Amino acid sequence: MALESYIKARRRQRDVLLMTHIVIGYPDYGRSMQTVEAMVEAGVDLMELQVPFSEPIADGPVILGANQRALAGGMTVSGCLDFAGKCAQRFDIPFVIMSYYNILHRYGVAAFADRMSGLGLKGAIVPDLPPEEAREYLNAMDRACLDPILLYSPNTSDERMAYLAEHARGFVYCVARPGVTGAATEFSEELTEYLGRCRAATELPLAVGLGIRDGKGMKYLRGKADIAIVGSHSIRTFDEQGTPGIRSLVQSLVAASAIGPP
């Protein structure tokens, strides 16, 4: 099933879906897979698998540290793709790749897209590649029947949102605030207005990331977005509580997303 269709069908069951994020190879290959397993068993709807990179410019210290440890442990791009393929074969939810353009460029953009498609992945998030510079990538993703997931931010103009919507597929990643990953997000009227602009700009599902940590965030997004993205907080939870903590976190977030009044 196409990613957009899957999300819209799943949304008939829950007010807000949950997408979690891991850095492949953090803290090591085996525990990465255990984390994916725990998240899926706890009810996550889709997952973002990050290929570690030495300079992840959109990421804060928590995810940066996870990237560095995964690389120090010997994680390679090919190893990450193999890992992602095993996840797609083993678990019945969509998986998307997240990384930076240098990774795709060095691997070969068309070869990277073809590899993702052959492994059963659904799309990719490449935050440092604007569509004006992405013709090769967008064409390769189209040929491979994969979704290029593009980003909005609070500083994106209405005109720019409309332009990005012309090239986005699957869903749009709405960055909740300026800055890098990891810090808390204030659920304010300003954020509500921004998400309203996002909704007006595209018919694609909206996923909101940066700062979602608990049921309060999930409930805030009801009626404003389709997916909550939890990244840095899941890594912090793993560091503090291990796999049981991850399972408990996902269960609590899923419970908060059930259809009903806020």
Protein backbone atom coordinates (compact mmCIF):
# COMPACT_ATOMS: atom_id res chain seq x y z
CA MET A 1 0.00 0.00 0.00
CA ALA A 2 1.23 3.50 -0.83
CA LEU A 3 2.37 5.51 2.17
CA GLU A 4 -0.28 8.22 1.85
CA SER A 5 -3.07 5.63 1.53
CA TYR A 6 -1.75 3.69 4.54
CA ILE A 7 -1.69 6.83 6.69
CA LYS A 8 -5.20 7.89 5.71
CA ALA A 9 -6.58 4.39 6.33
CA ARG A 10 -4.83 4.18 9.71
CA ARG A 11 -6.15 7.59 10.68
CA ARG A 12 -9.67 6.21 10.61
CA GLN A 13 -8.66 4.19 13.67
CA ARG A 14 -6.78 6.88 15.64
CA ASP A 15 -6.82 10.66 15.91
CA VAL A 16 -3.04 10.97 15.66
CA LEU A 17 -0.57 8.37 14.41
CA LEU A 18 2.89 7.84 15.88
CA MET A 19 6.16 7.76 13.97
CA THR A 20 9.31 7.03 15.91
CA HIS A 21 12.92 7.56 14.91
CA ILE A 22 16.05 5.51 15.48
CA VAL A 23 19.65 5.92 14.39
CA ILE A 24 20.63 2.62 12.81
CA GLY A 25 23.53 1.09 14.70
CA TYR A 26 22.94 2.97 17.95
CA PRO A 27 24.01 1.79 20.41
CA ASP A 28 24.85 -1.21 18.23
CA TYR A 29 23.23 -3.29 15.49
CA GLY A 30 21.58 -5.83 17.78
CA ARG A 31 20.06 -3.34 20.18
CA SER A 32 18.85 -1.21 17.26
CA MET A 33 16.83 -4.17 16.06
CA GLN A 34 15.55 -4.84 19.59
CA THR A 35 14.40 -1.21 19.76
CA VAL A 36 12.52 -1.51 16.47
CA GLU A 37 10.89 -4.71 17.69
CA ALA A 38 9.81 -3.11 20.98
CA MET A 39 8.37 -0.08 19.21
CA VAL A 40 6.39 -2.17 16.72
CA GLU A 41 5.06 -4.47 19.43
CA ALA A 42 3.98 -1.39 21.42
CA GLY A 43 1.90 -0.11 18.51
CA VAL A 44 3.94 2.45 16.54
CA ASP A 45 2.40 3.18 13.12
CA LEU A 46 5.50 3.90 11.03
CA MET A 47 9.21 4.45 11.58
CA GLU A 48 12.02 6.69 10.41
CA LEU A 49 15.38 4.91 10.19
CA GLN A 50 18.34 7.29 10.14
CA VAL A 51 21.50 6.38 8.27
CA PRO A 52 24.23 7.86 10.50
CA PHE A 53 26.27 10.75 9.10
CA SER A 54 29.24 12.64 10.52
CA GLU A 55 27.62 16.09 10.15
CA PRO A 56 23.85 15.80 10.73
CA ILE A 57 23.14 19.51 10.56
CA ALA A 58 19.42 19.34 11.43
CA ASP A 59 20.02 17.28 14.57
CA GLY A 60 20.73 18.33 18.12
CA PRO A 61 23.19 16.80 20.60
CA VAL A 62 21.17 13.67 21.41
CA ILE A 63 20.82 12.45 17.83
CA LEU A 64 24.28 13.79 16.93
CA GLY A 65 25.78 11.64 19.68
CA ALA A 66 23.87 8.61 18.46
CA ASN A 67 25.16 9.21 14.93
CA GLN A 68 28.74 9.44 16.16
CA ARG A 69 28.51 6.27 18.24
CA ALA A 70 26.93 4.31 15.37
CA LEU A 71 29.73 5.41 13.03
CA ALA A 72 32.39 4.63 15.62
CA GLY A 73 30.88 1.15 15.91
CA GLY A 74 31.49 0.57 12.20
CA MET A 75 28.01 1.14 10.79
CA THR A 76 28.12 1.55 6.99
CA VAL A 77 25.56 2.77 4.48
CA SER A 78 25.22 -0.72 3.00
CA GLY A 79 24.82 -2.15 6.48
CA CYS A 80 22.11 0.40 7.25
CA LEU A 81 20.19 -0.47 4.10
CA ASP A 82 20.44 -4.17 4.91
CA PHE A 83 19.12 -3.40 8.40
CA ALA A 84 16.23 -1.38 6.98
CA GLY A 85 15.38 -4.18 4.56
CA LYS A 86 15.22 -6.69 7.39
CA CYS A 87 12.87 -4.37 9.27
CA ALA A 88 10.60 -4.00 6.22
CA GLN A 89 10.48 -7.77 5.74
CA ARG A 90 9.93 -8.59 9.40
CA PHE A 91 7.47 -5.93 10.55
CA ASP A 92 4.14 -4.97 9.01
CA ILE A 93 4.47 -1.18 9.16
CA PRO A 94 6.03 1.30 6.70
CA PHE A 95 9.67 2.29 7.10
CA VAL A 96 11.29 5.38 5.61
CA ILE A 97 14.97 6.28 5.44
CA MET A 98 16.27 9.55 6.83
CA SER A 99 19.73 10.86 6.01
CA TYR A 100 21.62 13.68 4.37
CA TYR A 101 22.29 14.21 0.69
CA ASN A 102 26.01 13.45 0.90
CA ILE A 103 25.12 9.83 1.72
CA LEU A 104 22.94 9.48 -1.40
CA HIS A 105 25.44 11.33 -3.57
CA ARG A 106 28.35 9.11 -2.58
CA TYR A 107 26.29 5.93 -2.95
CA GLY A 108 24.72 7.03 -6.23
CA VAL A 109 21.28 8.61 -6.11
CA ALA A 110 19.59 6.23 -8.56
CA ALA A 111 21.29 3.20 -7.02
CA PHE A 112 20.21 4.32 -3.53
CA ALA A 113 16.58 4.71 -4.62
CA ASP A 114 16.59 1.37 -6.43
CA ARG A 115 18.06 -0.31 -3.35
CA MET A 116 15.40 1.17 -1.09
CA SER A 117 12.66 0.04 -3.43
CA GLY A 118 14.03 -3.48 -3.66
CA LEU A 119 14.14 -3.72 0.12
CA GLY A 120 10.49 -2.74 0.54
CA LEU A 121 11.04 0.72 2.01
CA LYS A 122 8.46 3.43 1.36
CA GLY A 123 10.29 6.72 1.08
CA ALA A 124 13.04 9.01 2.31
CA ILE A 125 13.58 12.23 4.24
CA VAL A 126 16.61 14.24 3.07
CA PRO A 127 16.41 17.52 5.01
CA ASP A 128 19.34 19.29 3.35
CA LEU A 129 18.15 18.81 -0.26
CA PRO A 130 15.70 21.47 -1.56
CA PRO A 131 13.62 20.50 -4.62
CA GLU A 132 15.36 23.15 -6.75
CA GLU A 133 18.54 21.07 -6.47
CA ALA A 134 16.84 17.67 -6.35
CA ARG A 135 15.88 16.83 -9.93
CA GLU A 136 18.04 13.69 -10.01
CA TYR A 137 16.73 12.57 -6.62
CA LEU A 138 13.07 13.30 -7.37
CA ASN A 139 13.26 11.52 -10.72
CA ALA A 140 14.98 8.51 -9.16
CA MET A 141 12.38 8.31 -6.39
CA ASP A 142 9.57 8.53 -8.94
CA ARG A 143 11.05 5.74 -11.07
CA ALA A 144 11.45 3.57 -7.97
CA CYS A 145 7.86 4.29 -6.79
CA LEU A 146 9.16 5.83 -3.55
CA ASP A 147 7.91 8.90 -1.72
CA PRO A 148 10.19 11.95 -1.31
CA ILE A 149 9.10 13.43 2.03
CA LEU A 150 9.70 17.20 2.15
CA LEU A 151 9.75 19.61 5.05
CA TYR A 152 7.86 22.72 6.12
CA SER A 153 9.06 25.02 8.92
CA PRO A 154 7.46 27.98 10.71
CA ASN A 155 9.57 30.28 8.53
CA THR A 156 8.26 28.75 5.27
CA SER A 157 6.05 31.20 3.40
CA ASP A 158 2.64 30.20 2.08
CA GLU A 159 3.99 30.43 -1.47
CA ARG A 160 6.93 28.21 -0.60
CA MET A 161 4.65 25.67 1.06
CA ALA A 162 2.57 25.46 -2.11
CA TYR A 163 5.71 24.95 -4.19
CA LEU A 164 7.02 22.20 -1.89
CA ALA A 165 3.62 20.49 -1.96
CA GLU A 166 3.97 20.07 -5.73
CA HIS A 167 7.02 17.83 -5.19
CA ALA A 168 6.20 16.09 -1.89
CA ARG A 169 4.74 12.60 -1.67
CA GLY A 170 3.60 10.36 1.18
CA PHE A 171 3.35 13.05 3.85
CA VAL A 172 4.88 16.41 4.73
CA TYR A 173 7.23 16.71 7.70
CA CYS A 174 6.27 19.86 9.60
CA VAL A 175 9.15 21.05 11.76
CA ALA A 176 7.43 22.42 14.86
CA ARG A 177 9.91 25.21 15.62
CA PRO A 178 13.15 26.74 14.34
CA GLY A 179 16.37 25.05 15.39
CA VAL A 180 17.66 21.52 15.68
CA THR A 181 16.14 18.40 17.20
CA GLY A 182 16.02 17.73 20.92
CA ALA A 183 14.60 20.82 22.67
CA ALA A 184 11.08 21.11 24.02
CA THR A 185 8.33 22.65 21.90
CA GLU A 186 5.75 25.11 23.23
CA PHE A 187 2.24 24.15 22.11
CA SER A 188 1.13 27.70 21.49
CA GLU A 189 -1.35 29.63 19.36
CA GLU A 190 1.57 30.48 17.10
CA LEU A 191 2.18 26.77 16.47
CA THR A 192 -1.55 26.22 15.89
CA GLU A 193 -1.57 29.01 13.29
CA TYR A 194 1.48 27.55 11.56
CA LEU A 195 -0.07 24.08 11.38
CA GLY A 196 -3.19 25.67 9.93
CA ARG A 197 -1.06 27.15 7.16
CA CYS A 198 0.49 23.72 6.57
CA ARG A 199 -2.94 22.14 6.28
CA ALA A 200 -4.09 24.79 3.81
CA ALA A 201 -1.03 24.21 1.62
CA THR A 202 -1.39 20.49 0.96
CA GLU A 203 -3.81 17.58 1.01
CA LEU A 204 -1.00 15.23 2.06
CA PRO A 205 -0.95 14.00 5.67
CA LEU A 206 0.97 16.23 8.06
CA ALA A 207 3.62 14.85 10.43
CA VAL A 208 4.88 17.10 13.23
CA GLY A 209 8.34 16.67 14.69
CA LEU A 210 10.71 18.38 17.14
CA GLY A 211 9.63 18.39 20.75
CA ILE A 212 6.87 15.74 20.97
CA ARG A 213 7.49 13.84 24.20
CA ASP A 214 4.26 12.76 25.87
CA GLY A 215 0.51 12.42 25.74
CA LYS A 216 0.08 16.19 26.05
CA GLY A 217 1.77 16.63 22.70
CA MET A 218 -0.28 13.86 21.11
CA LYS A 219 -3.54 15.39 22.32
CA TYR A 220 -2.50 18.86 21.20
CA LEU A 221 -2.10 17.60 17.63
CA ARG A 222 -5.66 16.25 17.41
CA GLY A 223 -7.42 18.00 14.56
CA LYS A 224 -4.21 19.80 13.57
CA ALA A 225 -1.99 17.04 12.15
CA ASP A 226 -2.01 13.35 11.30
CA ILE A 227 1.29 12.07 12.72
CA ALA A 228 3.43 12.86 15.76
CA ILE A 229 7.15 12.21 15.34
CA VAL A 230 9.17 11.24 18.41
CA GLY A 231 12.93 11.14 17.89
CA SER A 232 15.33 12.56 20.45
CA HIS A 233 13.07 11.68 23.36
CA SER A 234 12.99 8.02 22.36
CA ILE A 235 16.80 7.95 22.37
CA ARG A 236 16.89 9.63 25.79
CA THR A 237 14.36 7.11 27.06
CA PHE A 238 16.46 4.22 25.76
CA ASP A 239 19.58 5.66 27.39
CA GLU A 240 17.84 6.00 30.74
CA GLN A 241 15.51 2.97 30.79
CA GLY A 242 16.56 0.60 28.01
CA THR A 243 14.17 -1.36 25.81
CA PRO A 244 11.45 -1.68 28.52
CA GLY A 245 11.35 2.10 28.75
CA ILE A 246 10.97 2.41 24.97
CA ARG A 247 8.08 -0.04 24.99
CA SER A 248 6.37 1.85 27.81
CA LEU A 249 6.88 5.22 26.11
CA VAL A 250 5.35 4.07 22.83
CA GLN A 251 2.41 2.41 24.60
CA SER A 252 1.65 5.63 26.48
CA LEU A 253 1.84 7.75 23.32
CA VAL A 254 -0.39 5.36 21.38
CA ALA A 255 -2.92 5.34 24.23
CA ALA A 256 -3.03 9.14 24.13
CA SER A 257 -3.80 9.11 20.40
CA ALA A 258 -7.05 7.14 20.62
CA ILE A 259 -10.09 8.68 18.98
CA GLY A 260 -12.00 10.79 21.46
CA PRO A 261 -12.15 14.24 23.10
CA PRO A 262 -8.83 15.95 23.98
